[in-house]
Amino acid sequence: MRILNSEFIDRPWRIHEFAGDFVVEDVWSLPTPGGPDDLARFARGFTAPGTDEISDRATKVLFAIRWRLGRIFGWDGEDKGVNKRVVSLRDRLPEDLQAGDRGPDFSDVPFRSVYLTHTEWVSEIANRTVHALMHVGWVEDGKGGYHGQMTALVKPNGAFGKFYMIGIKPIRYRIVYPQLIRSIGKHWPRYT
């Protein structure tokens, strides 16, 4: 379920210290009921090889089209990514986060982990269109339990990046995020 951006903005996340130039695109509550120590479990399960979080055929087709267009137009070349076109958010981290757990990298998509704490996990991706962050915060639900809260933060690359983000917004909201969140809820009990 999509929730207000203030659910991310008003929390005392560490990411606020060094990612102020990124814009909060949207915030989603994840169907991941658990305990206070389950964020690392979520990160490991979400990034595991063979974890097919996007099981909907339409979403798979959309991603296949996007990656194909990226190859054709050169959006996703190695020279367009993190530490090439943009500096990694990891280079901005305070010493304690630099020395801490980086967290797991995704096996099937080009997001790379930046840091993992007890309550926050951040991964990043960069290409010709955008430098984007995925922040997963582990939050209390007010009933003694905890769950994930996923935030997309973006820094579009110029006018083309802004146009691209506007163009894909309806697809993200109507197809990609709802399917991803349903799939997370379905797979969450099996994460180890």
N, C-alpha and C. Protein backbone atom coordinates (compact mmCIF):
# COMPACT_ATOMS: atom_id res chain seq x y z
N MET A 1 0.84 -1.17 0.00
CA MET A 1 0.00 0.00 0.00
C MET A 1 0.89 1.25 0.00
N ARG A 2 0.56 2.18 -0.86
CA ARG A 2 1.29 3.45 -0.90
C ARG A 2 0.87 4.29 0.31
N ILE A 3 1.87 4.92 0.94
CA ILE A 3 1.60 5.75 2.10
C ILE A 3 2.19 7.14 1.88
N LEU A 4 1.89 8.06 2.76
CA LEU A 4 2.35 9.44 2.63
C LEU A 4 3.88 9.52 2.69
N ASN A 5 4.46 10.41 1.89
CA ASN A 5 5.91 10.64 1.92
C ASN A 5 6.40 11.04 3.31
N SER A 6 5.52 11.68 4.08
CA SER A 6 5.90 12.11 5.42
C SER A 6 6.24 10.93 6.32
N GLU A 7 5.73 9.74 6.01
CA GLU A 7 6.08 8.55 6.77
C GLU A 7 7.58 8.26 6.69
N PHE A 8 8.19 8.66 5.62
CA PHE A 8 9.65 8.55 5.48
C PHE A 8 10.33 9.83 5.98
N ILE A 9 9.86 10.96 5.51
CA ILE A 9 10.50 12.24 5.78
C ILE A 9 10.56 12.56 7.27
N ASP A 10 9.51 12.24 8.00
CA ASP A 10 9.43 12.61 9.42
C ASP A 10 10.13 11.64 10.37
N ARG A 11 10.62 10.54 9.86
CA ARG A 11 11.33 9.59 10.73
C ARG A 11 12.81 9.95 10.79
N PRO A 12 13.47 9.64 11.90
CA PRO A 12 14.87 10.02 12.06
C PRO A 12 15.85 9.05 11.40
N TRP A 13 15.64 8.78 10.12
CA TRP A 13 16.53 7.87 9.40
C TRP A 13 17.92 8.48 9.23
N ARG A 14 18.92 7.67 9.25
CA ARG A 14 20.29 8.13 9.01
C ARG A 14 20.47 8.69 7.60
N ILE A 15 19.75 8.17 6.64
CA ILE A 15 19.91 8.60 5.25
C ILE A 15 19.66 10.10 5.07
N HIS A 16 18.88 10.70 5.96
CA HIS A 16 18.62 12.14 5.87
C HIS A 16 19.90 12.95 6.04
N GLU A 17 20.92 12.38 6.69
CA GLU A 17 22.17 13.10 6.94
C GLU A 17 22.99 13.34 5.67
N PHE A 18 22.82 12.49 4.65
CA PHE A 18 23.74 12.57 3.51
C PHE A 18 23.09 12.37 2.14
N ALA A 19 21.76 12.36 2.07
CA ALA A 19 21.10 12.18 0.78
C ALA A 19 20.06 13.27 0.53
N GLY A 20 20.33 14.47 1.02
CA GLY A 20 19.39 15.57 0.87
C GLY A 20 19.17 16.03 -0.56
N ASP A 21 20.05 15.66 -1.48
CA ASP A 21 19.90 16.06 -2.88
C ASP A 21 19.03 15.08 -3.68
N PHE A 22 18.55 14.03 -3.03
CA PHE A 22 17.62 13.09 -3.66
C PHE A 22 16.20 13.48 -3.28
N VAL A 23 15.26 13.25 -4.18
CA VAL A 23 13.86 13.57 -3.97
C VAL A 23 13.10 12.29 -3.62
N VAL A 24 12.23 12.39 -2.63
CA VAL A 24 11.39 11.24 -2.28
C VAL A 24 10.34 11.09 -3.38
N GLU A 25 10.42 9.98 -4.09
CA GLU A 25 9.47 9.72 -5.18
C GLU A 25 8.18 9.11 -4.63
N ASP A 26 8.30 8.09 -3.81
CA ASP A 26 7.13 7.50 -3.19
C ASP A 26 7.54 6.57 -2.05
N VAL A 27 6.55 6.26 -1.19
CA VAL A 27 6.78 5.44 -0.01
C VAL A 27 5.69 4.37 0.04
N TRP A 28 6.10 3.14 0.33
CA TRP A 28 5.17 2.02 0.34
C TRP A 28 5.32 1.22 1.64
N SER A 29 4.21 0.82 2.22
CA SER A 29 4.22 -0.06 3.37
C SER A 29 4.30 -1.49 2.84
N LEU A 30 5.19 -2.29 3.40
CA LEU A 30 5.39 -3.65 2.93
C LEU A 30 4.66 -4.66 3.83
N PRO A 31 4.08 -5.69 3.24
CA PRO A 31 3.38 -6.72 4.01
C PRO A 31 4.37 -7.74 4.58
N THR A 32 5.16 -7.27 5.53
CA THR A 32 6.23 -8.08 6.09
C THR A 32 6.16 -8.08 7.62
N PRO A 33 5.06 -8.58 8.19
CA PRO A 33 4.95 -8.55 9.65
C PRO A 33 6.07 -9.35 10.28
N GLY A 34 6.70 -8.75 11.28
CA GLY A 34 7.81 -9.44 11.92
C GLY A 34 8.19 -8.81 13.23
N GLY A 35 9.38 -9.17 13.66
CA GLY A 35 9.89 -8.65 14.92
C GLY A 35 10.92 -7.57 14.69
N PRO A 36 11.47 -7.05 15.78
CA PRO A 36 12.40 -5.92 15.69
C PRO A 36 13.73 -6.26 15.00
N ASP A 37 14.06 -7.53 14.88
CA ASP A 37 15.36 -7.92 14.32
C ASP A 37 15.26 -8.52 12.93
N ASP A 38 14.19 -8.29 12.21
CA ASP A 38 13.95 -8.97 10.94
C ASP A 38 14.39 -8.23 9.68
N LEU A 39 14.95 -7.04 9.80
CA LEU A 39 15.35 -6.32 8.58
C LEU A 39 16.45 -7.06 7.82
N ALA A 40 17.46 -7.56 8.51
CA ALA A 40 18.53 -8.29 7.82
C ALA A 40 17.96 -9.53 7.12
N ARG A 41 17.01 -10.19 7.76
CA ARG A 41 16.34 -11.34 7.14
C ARG A 41 15.64 -10.91 5.85
N PHE A 42 14.95 -9.77 5.91
CA PHE A 42 14.28 -9.26 4.72
C PHE A 42 15.30 -8.99 3.61
N ALA A 43 16.38 -8.30 3.94
CA ALA A 43 17.39 -7.95 2.93
C ALA A 43 17.98 -9.20 2.29
N ARG A 44 18.31 -10.20 3.09
CA ARG A 44 18.87 -11.45 2.54
C ARG A 44 17.87 -12.15 1.63
N GLY A 45 16.62 -12.24 2.06
CA GLY A 45 15.61 -12.93 1.26
C GLY A 45 15.26 -12.18 -0.01
N PHE A 46 15.18 -10.88 0.08
CA PHE A 46 14.80 -10.04 -1.06
C PHE A 46 15.86 -10.06 -2.16
N THR A 47 17.11 -10.24 -1.80
CA THR A 47 18.21 -10.20 -2.76
C THR A 47 18.71 -11.57 -3.19
N ALA A 48 18.18 -12.63 -2.60
CA ALA A 48 18.70 -13.98 -2.83
C ALA A 48 18.59 -14.41 -4.29
N PRO A 49 19.57 -15.17 -4.76
CA PRO A 49 19.50 -15.70 -6.13
C PRO A 49 18.24 -16.53 -6.31
N GLY A 50 17.60 -16.34 -7.44
CA GLY A 50 16.41 -17.11 -7.74
C GLY A 50 15.15 -16.62 -7.06
N THR A 51 15.26 -15.58 -6.23
CA THR A 51 14.07 -15.02 -5.62
C THR A 51 13.36 -14.24 -6.72
N ASP A 52 12.25 -14.75 -7.14
CA ASP A 52 11.52 -14.13 -8.24
C ASP A 52 10.43 -13.25 -7.68
N GLU A 53 10.82 -12.07 -7.21
CA GLU A 53 9.85 -11.17 -6.59
C GLU A 53 8.83 -10.66 -7.59
N ILE A 54 9.20 -10.57 -8.83
CA ILE A 54 8.26 -10.06 -9.82
C ILE A 54 7.77 -11.25 -10.63
N SER A 55 6.68 -11.85 -10.15
CA SER A 55 6.18 -13.06 -10.77
C SER A 55 5.06 -12.79 -11.77
N ASP A 56 4.54 -11.60 -11.79
CA ASP A 56 3.47 -11.24 -12.71
C ASP A 56 4.03 -11.14 -14.13
N ARG A 57 3.37 -11.80 -15.06
CA ARG A 57 3.85 -11.83 -16.45
C ARG A 57 3.94 -10.43 -17.06
N ALA A 58 2.94 -9.59 -16.84
CA ALA A 58 2.95 -8.24 -17.41
C ALA A 58 4.14 -7.44 -16.90
N THR A 59 4.44 -7.58 -15.62
CA THR A 59 5.57 -6.84 -15.05
C THR A 59 6.89 -7.36 -15.61
N LYS A 60 7.00 -8.67 -15.76
CA LYS A 60 8.23 -9.24 -16.35
C LYS A 60 8.42 -8.72 -17.77
N VAL A 61 7.34 -8.65 -18.52
CA VAL A 61 7.42 -8.15 -19.90
C VAL A 61 7.86 -6.69 -19.89
N LEU A 62 7.30 -5.88 -19.00
CA LEU A 62 7.68 -4.47 -18.91
C LEU A 62 9.17 -4.32 -18.59
N PHE A 63 9.66 -5.11 -17.63
CA PHE A 63 11.08 -5.03 -17.30
C PHE A 63 11.95 -5.49 -18.47
N ALA A 64 11.53 -6.54 -19.16
CA ALA A 64 12.29 -7.01 -20.32
C ALA A 64 12.37 -5.92 -21.39
N ILE A 65 11.24 -5.24 -21.61
CA ILE A 65 11.23 -4.14 -22.58
C ILE A 65 12.17 -3.02 -22.12
N ARG A 66 12.10 -2.68 -20.83
CA ARG A 66 12.95 -1.59 -20.31
C ARG A 66 14.43 -1.93 -20.47
N TRP A 67 14.83 -3.16 -20.10
CA TRP A 67 16.24 -3.52 -20.22
C TRP A 67 16.67 -3.56 -21.68
N ARG A 68 15.77 -3.98 -22.57
CA ARG A 68 16.09 -4.01 -24.01
C ARG A 68 16.29 -2.59 -24.52
N LEU A 69 15.37 -1.68 -24.17
CA LEU A 69 15.52 -0.28 -24.58
C LEU A 69 16.81 0.31 -24.01
N GLY A 70 17.13 -0.06 -22.79
CA GLY A 70 18.38 0.41 -22.18
C GLY A 70 19.59 -0.01 -22.97
N ARG A 71 19.58 -1.26 -23.46
CA ARG A 71 20.71 -1.74 -24.29
C ARG A 71 20.75 -1.00 -25.63
N ILE A 72 19.58 -0.85 -26.26
CA ILE A 72 19.52 -0.20 -27.57
C ILE A 72 19.99 1.25 -27.49
N PHE A 73 19.51 2.00 -26.49
CA PHE A 73 19.81 3.42 -26.38
C PHE A 73 21.01 3.73 -25.49
N GLY A 74 21.64 2.72 -24.94
CA GLY A 74 22.83 2.93 -24.12
C GLY A 74 22.56 3.55 -22.75
N TRP A 75 21.37 3.36 -22.23
CA TRP A 75 21.03 3.94 -20.93
C TRP A 75 21.74 3.26 -19.77
N ASP A 76 22.04 1.97 -19.94
CA ASP A 76 22.50 1.17 -18.82
C ASP A 76 23.95 0.72 -18.94
N GLY A 77 24.70 1.31 -19.84
CA GLY A 77 26.09 0.93 -20.00
C GLY A 77 26.88 1.12 -18.72
N GLU A 78 27.93 0.35 -18.57
CA GLU A 78 28.76 0.43 -17.36
C GLU A 78 29.25 1.85 -17.09
N ASP A 79 29.49 2.61 -18.16
CA ASP A 79 29.96 3.99 -18.01
C ASP A 79 28.87 4.94 -17.51
N LYS A 80 27.63 4.46 -17.40
CA LYS A 80 26.51 5.29 -16.95
C LYS A 80 26.15 5.02 -15.48
N GLY A 81 26.83 4.07 -14.85
CA GLY A 81 26.42 3.61 -13.54
C GLY A 81 27.12 4.26 -12.37
N VAL A 82 26.95 3.63 -11.22
CA VAL A 82 27.55 4.08 -9.97
C VAL A 82 29.07 3.98 -10.09
N ASN A 83 29.74 4.98 -9.60
CA ASN A 83 31.21 5.13 -9.64
C ASN A 83 31.73 5.39 -11.05
N LYS A 84 30.83 5.64 -11.98
CA LYS A 84 31.23 6.06 -13.33
C LYS A 84 30.57 7.42 -13.61
N ARG A 85 29.23 7.40 -13.85
CA ARG A 85 28.51 8.66 -14.08
C ARG A 85 28.26 9.40 -12.77
N VAL A 86 28.03 8.64 -11.71
CA VAL A 86 27.77 9.24 -10.40
C VAL A 86 28.66 8.58 -9.34
N VAL A 87 28.92 9.32 -8.29
CA VAL A 87 29.66 8.79 -7.16
C VAL A 87 28.68 8.02 -6.29
N SER A 88 29.11 6.89 -5.77
CA SER A 88 28.25 6.09 -4.92
C SER A 88 27.86 6.84 -3.65
N LEU A 89 26.64 6.65 -3.22
CA LEU A 89 26.21 7.21 -1.95
C LEU A 89 27.10 6.68 -0.82
N ARG A 90 27.66 5.52 -1.00
CA ARG A 90 28.54 4.92 0.01
C ARG A 90 29.72 5.84 0.33
N ASP A 91 30.18 6.61 -0.65
CA ASP A 91 31.31 7.52 -0.43
C ASP A 91 30.94 8.70 0.47
N ARG A 92 29.66 8.93 0.69
CA ARG A 92 29.21 10.03 1.54
C ARG A 92 28.95 9.60 2.99
N LEU A 93 28.98 8.32 3.24
CA LEU A 93 28.57 7.82 4.55
C LEU A 93 29.49 8.29 5.66
N PRO A 94 28.93 8.53 6.85
CA PRO A 94 29.76 8.81 8.01
C PRO A 94 30.59 7.57 8.36
N GLU A 95 31.65 7.75 9.12
CA GLU A 95 32.57 6.66 9.42
C GLU A 95 31.89 5.42 10.00
N ASP A 96 30.94 5.61 10.91
CA ASP A 96 30.31 4.44 11.53
C ASP A 96 29.55 3.60 10.51
N LEU A 97 28.91 4.21 9.53
CA LEU A 97 28.21 3.45 8.51
C LEU A 97 29.19 2.86 7.50
N GLN A 98 30.27 3.58 7.22
CA GLN A 98 31.31 3.03 6.33
C GLN A 98 31.88 1.74 6.91
N ALA A 99 32.09 1.74 8.22
CA ALA A 99 32.70 0.58 8.88
C ALA A 99 31.70 -0.54 9.13
N GLY A 100 30.40 -0.24 9.03
CA GLY A 100 29.37 -1.23 9.33
C GLY A 100 29.06 -2.14 8.16
N ASP A 101 28.02 -2.90 8.33
CA ASP A 101 27.56 -3.87 7.34
C ASP A 101 27.04 -3.14 6.10
N ARG A 102 27.53 -3.55 4.94
CA ARG A 102 27.06 -2.98 3.68
C ARG A 102 25.71 -3.56 3.29
N GLY A 103 25.47 -4.78 3.68
CA GLY A 103 24.24 -5.46 3.29
C GLY A 103 24.44 -6.23 2.00
N PRO A 104 23.49 -7.08 1.66
CA PRO A 104 23.63 -7.93 0.47
C PRO A 104 23.30 -7.18 -0.83
N ASP A 105 24.03 -7.53 -1.88
CA ASP A 105 23.71 -7.02 -3.21
C ASP A 105 22.64 -7.91 -3.84
N PHE A 106 21.88 -7.35 -4.73
CA PHE A 106 20.89 -8.13 -5.47
C PHE A 106 21.61 -9.06 -6.43
N SER A 107 21.06 -10.24 -6.60
CA SER A 107 21.67 -11.18 -7.53
C SER A 107 21.12 -11.01 -8.94
N ASP A 108 19.89 -10.50 -9.07
CA ASP A 108 19.24 -10.49 -10.37
C ASP A 108 18.99 -9.12 -10.99
N VAL A 109 19.22 -8.05 -10.25
CA VAL A 109 19.04 -6.69 -10.77
C VAL A 109 20.25 -5.85 -10.38
N PRO A 110 20.51 -4.75 -11.10
CA PRO A 110 21.75 -4.00 -10.87
C PRO A 110 21.76 -3.03 -9.69
N PHE A 111 20.92 -3.24 -8.69
CA PHE A 111 21.02 -2.45 -7.46
C PHE A 111 22.19 -2.98 -6.64
N ARG A 112 22.93 -2.05 -6.01
CA ARG A 112 24.05 -2.42 -5.13
C ARG A 112 23.80 -1.86 -3.75
N SER A 113 24.07 -2.69 -2.76
CA SER A 113 23.82 -2.28 -1.38
C SER A 113 24.79 -1.19 -0.95
N VAL A 114 24.29 -0.25 -0.15
CA VAL A 114 25.08 0.86 0.36
C VAL A 114 25.37 0.67 1.84
N TYR A 115 24.31 0.42 2.63
CA TYR A 115 24.52 0.11 4.05
C TYR A 115 23.29 -0.59 4.62
N LEU A 116 23.55 -1.33 5.70
CA LEU A 116 22.50 -2.03 6.42
C LEU A 116 22.73 -1.83 7.90
N THR A 117 21.71 -1.33 8.59
CA THR A 117 21.74 -1.21 10.05
C THR A 117 20.59 -2.06 10.59
N HIS A 118 20.34 -1.93 11.85
CA HIS A 118 19.26 -2.66 12.49
C HIS A 118 17.89 -2.20 11.98
N THR A 119 17.80 -0.94 11.53
CA THR A 119 16.51 -0.38 11.10
C THR A 119 16.48 0.17 9.68
N GLU A 120 17.62 0.21 8.99
CA GLU A 120 17.66 0.77 7.63
C GLU A 120 18.52 -0.08 6.71
N TRP A 121 18.04 -0.20 5.47
CA TRP A 121 18.83 -0.84 4.43
C TRP A 121 18.67 0.02 3.17
N VAL A 122 19.79 0.38 2.57
CA VAL A 122 19.77 1.24 1.39
C VAL A 122 20.56 0.58 0.27
N SER A 123 19.97 0.58 -0.92
CA SER A 123 20.63 0.11 -2.14
C SER A 123 20.51 1.21 -3.18
N GLU A 124 21.40 1.16 -4.18
CA GLU A 124 21.38 2.21 -5.21
C GLU A 124 21.58 1.63 -6.60
N ILE A 125 21.14 2.41 -7.57
CA ILE A 125 21.32 2.10 -8.98
C ILE A 125 21.52 3.43 -9.70
N ALA A 126 22.31 3.40 -10.74
CA ALA A 126 22.46 4.60 -11.58
C ALA A 126 22.53 4.15 -13.02
N ASN A 127 21.97 4.97 -13.88
CA ASN A 127 22.05 4.76 -15.32
C ASN A 127 21.94 6.11 -16.01
N ARG A 128 21.68 6.13 -17.27
CA ARG A 128 21.61 7.37 -18.03
C ARG A 128 20.45 8.25 -17.59
N THR A 129 19.40 7.64 -17.01
CA THR A 129 18.19 8.39 -16.67
C THR A 129 18.19 8.94 -15.25
N VAL A 130 18.77 8.21 -14.30
CA VAL A 130 18.58 8.56 -12.90
C VAL A 130 19.63 7.91 -12.01
N HIS A 131 19.86 8.52 -10.86
CA HIS A 131 20.56 7.88 -9.74
C HIS A 131 19.46 7.66 -8.72
N ALA A 132 19.16 6.41 -8.38
CA ALA A 132 18.03 6.10 -7.50
C ALA A 132 18.48 5.30 -6.29
N LEU A 133 17.78 5.53 -5.19
CA LEU A 133 18.02 4.81 -3.95
C LEU A 133 16.76 4.08 -3.54
N MET A 134 16.92 2.88 -3.04
CA MET A 134 15.82 2.16 -2.42
C MET A 134 16.15 2.08 -0.93
N HIS A 135 15.32 2.71 -0.13
CA HIS A 135 15.50 2.71 1.32
C HIS A 135 14.40 1.82 1.91
N VAL A 136 14.81 0.81 2.67
CA VAL A 136 13.85 0.01 3.40
C VAL A 136 14.08 0.28 4.87
N GLY A 137 13.08 0.86 5.50
CA GLY A 137 13.13 1.10 6.93
C GLY A 137 12.30 0.06 7.66
N TRP A 138 12.74 -0.33 8.83
CA TRP A 138 12.00 -1.30 9.63
C TRP A 138 11.30 -0.54 10.73
N VAL A 139 9.97 -0.51 10.70
CA VAL A 139 9.20 0.37 11.57
C VAL A 139 8.24 -0.41 12.46
N GLU A 140 7.98 0.16 13.64
CA GLU A 140 6.97 -0.41 14.54
C GLU A 140 5.60 -0.17 13.95
N ASP A 141 4.71 -1.13 14.17
CA ASP A 141 3.36 -0.98 13.63
C ASP A 141 2.35 -0.45 14.65
N GLY A 142 2.81 -0.14 15.87
CA GLY A 142 1.92 0.36 16.90
C GLY A 142 1.18 -0.72 17.67
N LYS A 143 1.43 -1.98 17.31
CA LYS A 143 0.77 -3.11 17.98
C LYS A 143 1.79 -4.11 18.51
N GLY A 144 3.04 -3.66 18.63
CA GLY A 144 4.09 -4.54 19.13
C GLY A 144 4.86 -5.27 18.05
N GLY A 145 4.46 -5.11 16.81
CA GLY A 145 5.14 -5.76 15.70
C GLY A 145 5.91 -4.75 14.86
N TYR A 146 6.55 -5.25 13.83
CA TYR A 146 7.35 -4.43 12.92
C TYR A 146 7.05 -4.84 11.49
N HIS A 147 7.38 -3.97 10.56
CA HIS A 147 7.25 -4.28 9.14
C HIS A 147 8.15 -3.34 8.33
N GLY A 148 8.31 -3.67 7.07
CA GLY A 148 9.14 -2.84 6.19
C GLY A 148 8.36 -1.69 5.59
N GLN A 149 9.11 -0.64 5.30
CA GLN A 149 8.58 0.54 4.63
C GLN A 149 9.60 0.90 3.54
N MET A 150 9.20 0.78 2.29
CA MET A 150 10.12 0.99 1.17
C MET A 150 9.92 2.37 0.56
N THR A 151 11.03 3.10 0.42
CA THR A 151 10.99 4.44 -0.15
C THR A 151 11.90 4.50 -1.37
N ALA A 152 11.39 5.07 -2.45
CA ALA A 152 12.20 5.32 -3.64
C ALA A 152 12.62 6.79 -3.61
N LEU A 153 13.94 7.01 -3.66
CA LEU A 153 14.49 8.37 -3.72
C LEU A 153 15.23 8.49 -5.04
N VAL A 154 15.06 9.61 -5.73
CA VAL A 154 15.64 9.74 -7.06
C VAL A 154 16.36 11.07 -7.25
N LYS A 155 17.32 11.02 -8.14
CA LYS A 155 17.96 12.23 -8.63
C LYS A 155 18.03 12.04 -10.15
N PRO A 156 17.02 12.58 -10.88
CA PRO A 156 17.00 12.42 -12.33
C PRO A 156 18.23 13.05 -12.98
N ASN A 157 18.67 12.46 -14.08
CA ASN A 157 19.81 12.96 -14.82
C ASN A 157 19.32 13.94 -15.89
N GLY A 158 19.28 15.23 -15.54
CA GLY A 158 18.91 16.28 -16.48
C GLY A 158 17.46 16.20 -16.92
N ALA A 159 17.15 16.92 -17.99
CA ALA A 159 15.79 17.00 -18.51
C ALA A 159 15.30 15.63 -18.99
N PHE A 160 16.21 14.87 -19.62
CA PHE A 160 15.83 13.53 -20.09
C PHE A 160 15.40 12.66 -18.91
N GLY A 161 16.15 12.68 -17.82
CA GLY A 161 15.82 11.90 -16.65
C GLY A 161 14.50 12.30 -16.04
N LYS A 162 14.23 13.60 -15.98
CA LYS A 162 12.95 14.08 -15.44
C LYS A 162 11.79 13.61 -16.31
N PHE A 163 11.96 13.73 -17.62
CA PHE A 163 10.92 13.29 -18.56
C PHE A 163 10.69 11.78 -18.42
N TYR A 164 11.77 11.03 -18.31
CA TYR A 164 11.69 9.58 -18.16
C TYR A 164 10.91 9.21 -16.89
N MET A 165 11.22 9.85 -15.77
CA MET A 165 10.54 9.55 -14.50
C MET A 165 9.05 9.88 -14.59
N ILE A 166 8.70 10.98 -15.24
CA ILE A 166 7.29 11.32 -15.42
C ILE A 166 6.61 10.28 -16.31
N GLY A 167 7.31 9.87 -17.37
CA GLY A 167 6.74 8.91 -18.31
C GLY A 167 6.46 7.54 -17.71
N ILE A 168 7.31 7.10 -16.80
CA ILE A 168 7.11 5.75 -16.25
C ILE A 168 6.25 5.73 -14.98
N LYS A 169 5.91 6.89 -14.46
CA LYS A 169 5.15 6.95 -13.20
C LYS A 169 3.85 6.15 -13.25
N PRO A 170 3.01 6.30 -14.27
CA PRO A 170 1.77 5.51 -14.27
C PRO A 170 2.04 4.00 -14.30
N ILE A 171 3.06 3.59 -14.99
CA ILE A 171 3.40 2.16 -15.05
C ILE A 171 3.86 1.67 -13.69
N ARG A 172 4.69 2.48 -13.02
CA ARG A 172 5.16 2.10 -11.69
C ARG A 172 4.00 1.98 -10.72
N TYR A 173 3.11 2.95 -10.72
CA TYR A 173 2.02 2.97 -9.74
C TYR A 173 0.94 1.93 -10.02
N ARG A 174 0.64 1.68 -11.28
CA ARG A 174 -0.46 0.76 -11.61
C ARG A 174 -0.03 -0.69 -11.74
N ILE A 175 1.22 -0.92 -12.12
CA ILE A 175 1.63 -2.30 -12.39
C ILE A 175 2.81 -2.73 -11.52
N VAL A 176 3.93 -2.03 -11.62
CA VAL A 176 5.17 -2.51 -11.02
C VAL A 176 5.10 -2.58 -9.49
N TYR A 177 4.84 -1.47 -8.83
CA TYR A 177 4.83 -1.49 -7.36
C TYR A 177 3.75 -2.39 -6.78
N PRO A 178 2.50 -2.31 -7.26
CA PRO A 178 1.49 -3.22 -6.68
C PRO A 178 1.88 -4.70 -6.82
N GLN A 179 2.40 -5.08 -7.98
CA GLN A 179 2.80 -6.48 -8.17
C GLN A 179 4.00 -6.82 -7.27
N LEU A 180 4.97 -5.94 -7.20
CA LEU A 180 6.14 -6.19 -6.35
C LEU A 180 5.72 -6.37 -4.90
N ILE A 181 4.84 -5.53 -4.42
CA ILE A 181 4.42 -5.59 -3.02
C ILE A 181 3.59 -6.84 -2.74
N ARG A 182 2.72 -7.22 -3.67
CA ARG A 182 1.99 -8.48 -3.50
C ARG A 182 2.96 -9.66 -3.44
N SER A 183 3.96 -9.63 -4.30
CA SER A 183 4.93 -10.71 -4.35
C SER A 183 5.78 -10.77 -3.08
N ILE A 184 6.17 -9.60 -2.56
CA ILE A 184 6.91 -9.56 -1.29
C ILE A 184 6.08 -10.20 -0.19
N GLY A 185 4.81 -9.86 -0.11
CA GLY A 185 3.93 -10.44 0.90
C GLY A 185 3.81 -11.95 0.77
N LYS A 186 3.75 -12.41 -0.46
CA LYS A 186 3.65 -13.84 -0.72
C LYS A 186 4.93 -14.59 -0.31
N HIS A 187 6.08 -14.00 -0.63
CA HIS A 187 7.36 -14.68 -0.37
C HIS A 187 7.92 -14.43 1.03
N TRP A 188 7.50 -13.38 1.71
CA TRP A 188 8.06 -13.00 3.00
C TRP A 188 8.16 -14.16 3.99
N PRO A 189 7.13 -14.99 4.17
CA PRO A 189 7.25 -16.06 5.15
C PRO A 189 8.39 -17.04 4.87
N ARG A 190 8.86 -17.12 3.61
CA ARG A 190 9.93 -18.05 3.26
C ARG A 190 11.32 -17.45 3.33
N TYR A 191 11.44 -16.13 3.54
CA TYR A 191 12.75 -15.51 3.64
C TYR A 191 13.49 -16.10 4.84
N THR A 192 14.75 -16.41 4.64
CA THR A 192 15.55 -16.94 5.76
C THR A 192 16.80 -16.12 5.97
